[in-house]
Amino acid sequence: MQRIERLLGDRTSTRPTPLYETVYGVALVTVVCAIAASHHAIETLLGMLL
């Protein structure tokens, strides 16, 4: 969590990181993880079926 905040802070080093940017970053990571997990699950199911 701190690593994400540090990355966002580095990207916006001239000003404090707004809350919505932090929330957006966390949401983006969550969505990417969910897509990756579901993609892996789909591949596993296809592997079992085929």
PDB file of N, CA and C in Angstrom:
ATOM      1  N   MET A   1       0.834  -1.199   0.000  1.00  0.00           N
ATOM      2  CA  MET A   1       0.000   0.000   0.000  1.00  0.00           C
ATOM      3  C   MET A   1       0.874   1.257   0.000  1.00  0.00           C
ATOM      4  N   GLN A   2       1.895   1.256   0.843  1.00  0.00           N
ATOM      5  CA  GLN A   2       2.785   2.416   0.893  1.00  0.00           C
ATOM      6  C   GLN A   2       3.548   2.571  -0.415  1.00  0.00           C
ATOM      7  N   ARG A   3       3.855   1.454  -1.066  1.00  0.00           N
ATOM      8  CA  ARG A   3       4.581   1.534  -2.338  1.00  0.00           C
ATOM      9  C   ARG A   3       3.729   2.240  -3.392  1.00  0.00           C
ATOM     10  N   ILE A   4       2.430   1.920  -3.441  1.00  0.00           N
ATOM     11  CA  ILE A   4       1.524   2.573  -4.394  1.00  0.00           C
ATOM     12  C   ILE A   4       1.450   4.065  -4.087  1.00  0.00           C
ATOM     13  N   GLU A   5       1.308   4.397  -2.799  1.00  0.00           N
ATOM     14  CA  GLU A   5       1.220   5.812  -2.423  1.00  0.00           C
ATOM     15  C   GLU A   5       2.513   6.534  -2.767  1.00  0.00           C
ATOM     16  N   ARG A   6       3.656   5.859  -2.605  1.00  0.00           N
ATOM     17  CA  ARG A   6       4.936   6.486  -2.928  1.00  0.00           C
ATOM     18  C   ARG A   6       5.038   6.725  -4.433  1.00  0.00           C
ATOM     19  N   LEU A   7       4.577   5.751  -5.234  1.00  0.00           N
ATOM     20  CA  LEU A   7       4.591   5.934  -6.688  1.00  0.00           C
ATOM     21  C   LEU A   7       3.714   7.108  -7.090  1.00  0.00           C
ATOM     22  N   LEU A   8       2.516   7.183  -6.505  1.00  0.00           N
ATOM     23  CA  LEU A   8       1.626   8.302  -6.811  1.00  0.00           C
ATOM     24  C   LEU A   8       2.250   9.612  -6.346  1.00  0.00           C
ATOM     25  N   GLY A   9       2.915   9.579  -5.190  1.00  0.00           N
ATOM     26  CA  GLY A   9       3.555  10.785  -4.677  1.00  0.00           C
ATOM     27  C   GLY A   9       4.701  11.232  -5.577  1.00  0.00           C
ATOM     28  N   ASP A  10       5.481  10.265  -6.107  1.00  0.00           N
ATOM     29  CA  ASP A  10       6.571  10.615  -7.019  1.00  0.00           C
ATOM     30  C   ASP A  10       6.023  11.220  -8.302  1.00  0.00           C
ATOM     31  N   ARG A  11       4.900  10.701  -8.767  1.00  0.00           N
ATOM     32  CA  ARG A  11       4.322  11.193 -10.013  1.00  0.00           C
ATOM     33  C   ARG A  11       3.815  12.619  -9.844  1.00  0.00           C
ATOM     34  N   THR A  12       3.375  12.947  -8.637  1.00  0.00           N
ATOM     35  CA  THR A  12       2.840  14.292  -8.378  1.00  0.00           C
ATOM     36  C   THR A  12       3.707  14.940  -7.310  1.00  0.00           C
ATOM     37  N   SER A  13       5.015  15.026  -7.583  1.00  0.00           N
ATOM     38  CA  SER A  13       5.961  15.460  -6.557  1.00  0.00           C
ATOM     39  C   SER A  13       5.825  16.945  -6.241  1.00  0.00           C
ATOM     40  N   THR A  14       5.243  17.742  -7.155  1.00  0.00           N
ATOM     41  CA  THR A  14       5.171  19.184  -6.936  1.00  0.00           C
ATOM     42  C   THR A  14       4.028  19.556  -6.008  1.00  0.00           C
ATOM     43  N   ARG A  15       3.117  18.618  -5.743  1.00  0.00           N
ATOM     44  CA  ARG A  15       1.982  18.933  -4.877  1.00  0.00           C
ATOM     45  C   ARG A  15       1.575  17.669  -4.138  1.00  0.00           C
ATOM     46  N   PRO A  16       0.821  17.797  -3.045  1.00  0.00           N
ATOM     47  CA  PRO A  16       0.347  16.606  -2.331  1.00  0.00           C
ATOM     48  C   PRO A  16      -0.568  15.769  -3.227  1.00  0.00           C
ATOM     49  N   THR A  17      -0.568  14.478  -2.998  1.00  0.00           N
ATOM     50  CA  THR A  17      -1.413  13.602  -3.801  1.00  0.00           C
ATOM     51  C   THR A  17      -2.865  13.773  -3.383  1.00  0.00           C
ATOM     52  N   PRO A  18      -3.737  14.176  -4.309  1.00  0.00           N
ATOM     53  CA  PRO A  18      -5.156  14.277  -3.959  1.00  0.00           C
ATOM     54  C   PRO A  18      -5.735  12.906  -3.639  1.00  0.00           C
ATOM     55  N   LEU A  19      -6.763  12.895  -2.807  1.00  0.00           N
ATOM     56  CA  LEU A  19      -7.367  11.631  -2.379  1.00  0.00           C
ATOM     57  C   LEU A  19      -7.903  10.858  -3.569  1.00  0.00           C
ATOM     58  N   TYR A  20      -8.528  11.562  -4.532  1.00  0.00           N
ATOM     59  CA  TYR A  20      -9.138  10.845  -5.649  1.00  0.00           C
ATOM     60  C   TYR A  20      -8.087  10.152  -6.508  1.00  0.00           C
ATOM     61  N   GLU A  21      -6.875  10.724  -6.595  1.00  0.00           N
ATOM     62  CA  GLU A  21      -5.825  10.044  -7.364  1.00  0.00           C
ATOM     63  C   GLU A  21      -5.385   8.770  -6.661  1.00  0.00           C
ATOM     64  N   THR A  22      -5.283   8.816  -5.334  1.00  0.00           N
ATOM     65  CA  THR A  22      -4.914   7.617  -4.582  1.00  0.00           C
ATOM     66  C   THR A  22      -5.990   6.549  -4.735  1.00  0.00           C
ATOM     67  N   VAL A  23      -7.257   6.958  -4.616  1.00  0.00           N
ATOM     68  CA  VAL A  23      -8.369   6.014  -4.764  1.00  0.00           C
ATOM     69  C   VAL A  23      -8.369   5.433  -6.170  1.00  0.00           C
ATOM     70  N   TYR A  24      -8.130   6.284  -7.179  1.00  0.00           N
ATOM     71  CA  TYR A  24      -8.100   5.816  -8.564  1.00  0.00           C
ATOM     72  C   TYR A  24      -6.983   4.796  -8.761  1.00  0.00           C
ATOM     73  N   GLY A  25      -5.815   5.073  -8.184  1.00  0.00           N
ATOM     74  CA  GLY A  25      -4.694   4.145  -8.308  1.00  0.00           C
ATOM     75  C   GLY A  25      -5.001   2.798  -7.669  1.00  0.00           C
ATOM     76  N   VAL A  26      -5.578   2.831  -6.475  1.00  0.00           N
ATOM     77  CA  VAL A  26      -5.916   1.580  -5.787  1.00  0.00           C
ATOM     78  C   VAL A  26      -6.980   0.816  -6.568  1.00  0.00           C
ATOM     79  N   ALA A  27      -7.990   1.543  -7.085  1.00  0.00           N
ATOM     80  CA  ALA A  27      -9.050   0.892  -7.859  1.00  0.00           C
ATOM     81  C   ALA A  27      -8.483   0.270  -9.127  1.00  0.00           C
ATOM     82  N   LEU A  28      -7.556   0.981  -9.776  1.00  0.00           N
ATOM     83  CA  LEU A  28      -6.949   0.467 -11.002  1.00  0.00           C
ATOM     84  C   LEU A  28      -6.198  -0.831 -10.720  1.00  0.00           C
ATOM     85  N   VAL A  29      -5.407  -0.848  -9.639  1.00  0.00           N
ATOM     86  CA  VAL A  29      -4.667  -2.061  -9.277  1.00  0.00           C
ATOM     87  C   VAL A  29      -5.631  -3.201  -8.966  1.00  0.00           C
ATOM     88  N   THR A  30      -6.723  -2.896  -8.251  1.00  0.00           N
ATOM     89  CA  THR A  30      -7.712  -3.924  -7.902  1.00  0.00           C
ATOM     90  C   THR A  30      -8.343  -4.520  -9.149  1.00  0.00           C
ATOM     91  N   VAL A  31      -8.715  -3.649 -10.110  1.00  0.00           N
ATOM     92  CA  VAL A  31      -9.340  -4.125 -11.350  1.00  0.00           C
ATOM     93  C   VAL A  31      -8.362  -4.988 -12.136  1.00  0.00           C
ATOM     94  N   VAL A  32      -7.109  -4.539 -12.231  1.00  0.00           N
ATOM     95  CA  VAL A  32      -6.106  -5.315 -12.973  1.00  0.00           C
ATOM     96  C   VAL A  32      -5.908  -6.683 -12.325  1.00  0.00           C
ATOM     97  N   CYS A  33      -5.834  -6.712 -10.992  1.00  0.00           N
ATOM     98  CA  CYS A  33      -5.672  -7.990 -10.288  1.00  0.00           C
ATOM     99  C   CYS A  33      -6.881  -8.889 -10.512  1.00  0.00           C
ATOM    100  N   ALA A  34      -8.079  -8.317 -10.496  1.00  0.00           N
ATOM    101  CA  ALA A  34      -9.292  -9.107 -10.701  1.00  0.00           C
ATOM    102  C   ALA A  34      -9.325  -9.679 -12.112  1.00  0.00           C
ATOM    103  N   ILE A  35      -8.946  -8.872 -13.099  1.00  0.00           N
ATOM    104  CA  ILE A  35      -8.924  -9.355 -14.486  1.00  0.00           C
ATOM    105  C   ILE A  35      -7.887 -10.467 -14.630  1.00  0.00           C
ATOM    106  N   ALA A  36      -6.711 -10.260 -14.032  1.00  0.00           N
ATOM    107  CA  ALA A  36      -5.662 -11.278 -14.123  1.00  0.00           C
ATOM    108  C   ALA A  36      -6.109 -12.574 -13.454  1.00  0.00           C
ATOM    109  N   ALA A  37      -6.769 -12.467 -12.297  1.00  0.00           N
ATOM    110  CA  ALA A  37      -7.226 -13.656 -11.581  1.00  0.00           C
ATOM    111  C   ALA A  37      -8.299 -14.383 -12.383  1.00  0.00           C
ATOM    112  N   SER A  38      -9.252 -13.633 -12.947  1.00  0.00           N
ATOM    113  CA  SER A  38     -10.321 -14.277 -13.709  1.00  0.00           C
ATOM    114  C   SER A  38      -9.760 -14.883 -14.993  1.00  0.00           C
ATOM    115  N   HIS A  39      -8.774 -14.206 -15.604  1.00  0.00           N
ATOM    116  CA  HIS A  39      -8.144 -14.743 -16.814  1.00  0.00           C
ATOM    117  C   HIS A  39      -7.452 -16.066 -16.490  1.00  0.00           C
ATOM    118  N   HIS A  40      -6.755 -16.109 -15.352  1.00  0.00           N
ATOM    119  CA  HIS A  40      -6.079 -17.339 -14.946  1.00  0.00           C
ATOM    120  C   HIS A  40      -7.106 -18.433 -14.677  1.00  0.00           C
ATOM    121  N   ALA A  41      -8.222 -18.086 -14.041  1.00  0.00           N
ATOM    122  CA  ALA A  41      -9.263 -19.074 -13.748  1.00  0.00           C
ATOM    123  C   ALA A  41      -9.866 -19.609 -15.041  1.00  0.00           C
ATOM    124  N   ILE A  42     -10.090 -18.724 -16.016  1.00  0.00           N
ATOM    125  CA  ILE A  42     -10.645 -19.155 -17.305  1.00  0.00           C
ATOM    126  C   ILE A  42      -9.668 -20.101 -18.000  1.00  0.00           C
ATOM    127  N   GLU A  43      -8.381 -19.750 -17.980  1.00  0.00           N
ATOM    128  CA  GLU A  43      -7.379 -20.627 -18.604  1.00  0.00           C
ATOM    129  C   GLU A  43      -7.357 -21.986 -17.918  1.00  0.00           C
ATOM    130  N   THR A  44      -7.467 -21.988 -16.590  1.00  0.00           N
ATOM    131  CA  THR A  44      -7.462 -23.252 -15.849  1.00  0.00           C
ATOM    132  C   THR A  44      -8.676 -24.099 -16.224  1.00  0.00           C
ATOM    133  N   LEU A  45      -9.850 -23.464 -16.308  1.00  0.00           N
ATOM    134  CA  LEU A  45     -11.064 -24.191 -16.681  1.00  0.00           C
ATOM    135  C   LEU A  45     -10.940 -24.746 -18.101  1.00  0.00           C
ATOM    136  N   LEU A  46     -10.442 -23.933 -19.022  1.00  0.00           N
ATOM    137  CA  LEU A  46     -10.267 -24.410 -20.398  1.00  0.00           C
ATOM    138  C   LEU A  46      -9.276 -25.567 -20.436  1.00  0.00           C
ATOM    139  N   GLY A  47      -8.221 -25.466 -19.636  1.00  0.00           N
ATOM    140  CA  GLY A  47      -7.241 -26.544 -19.585  1.00  0.00           C
ATOM    141  C   GLY A  47      -7.851 -27.839 -19.073  1.00  0.00           C
ATOM    142  N   MET A  48      -8.769 -27.740 -18.111  1.00  0.00           N
ATOM    143  CA  MET A  48      -9.424 -28.929 -17.584  1.00  0.00           C
ATOM    144  C   MET A  48     -10.412 -29.503 -18.597  1.00  0.00           C
ATOM    145  N   LEU A  49     -11.081 -28.627 -19.356  1.00  0.00           N
ATOM    146  CA  LEU A  49     -12.084 -29.094 -20.312  1.00  0.00           C
ATOM    147  C   LEU A  49     -11.434 -29.692 -21.552  1.00  0.00           C
ATOM    148  N   LEU A  50     -10.337 -29.072 -22.007  1.00  0.00           N
ATOM    149  CA  LEU A  50      -9.727 -29.528 -23.266  1.00  0.00           C
ATOM    150  C   LEU A  50      -8.737 -30.655 -23.047  1.00  0.00           C
TER     151      LEU A  50
END
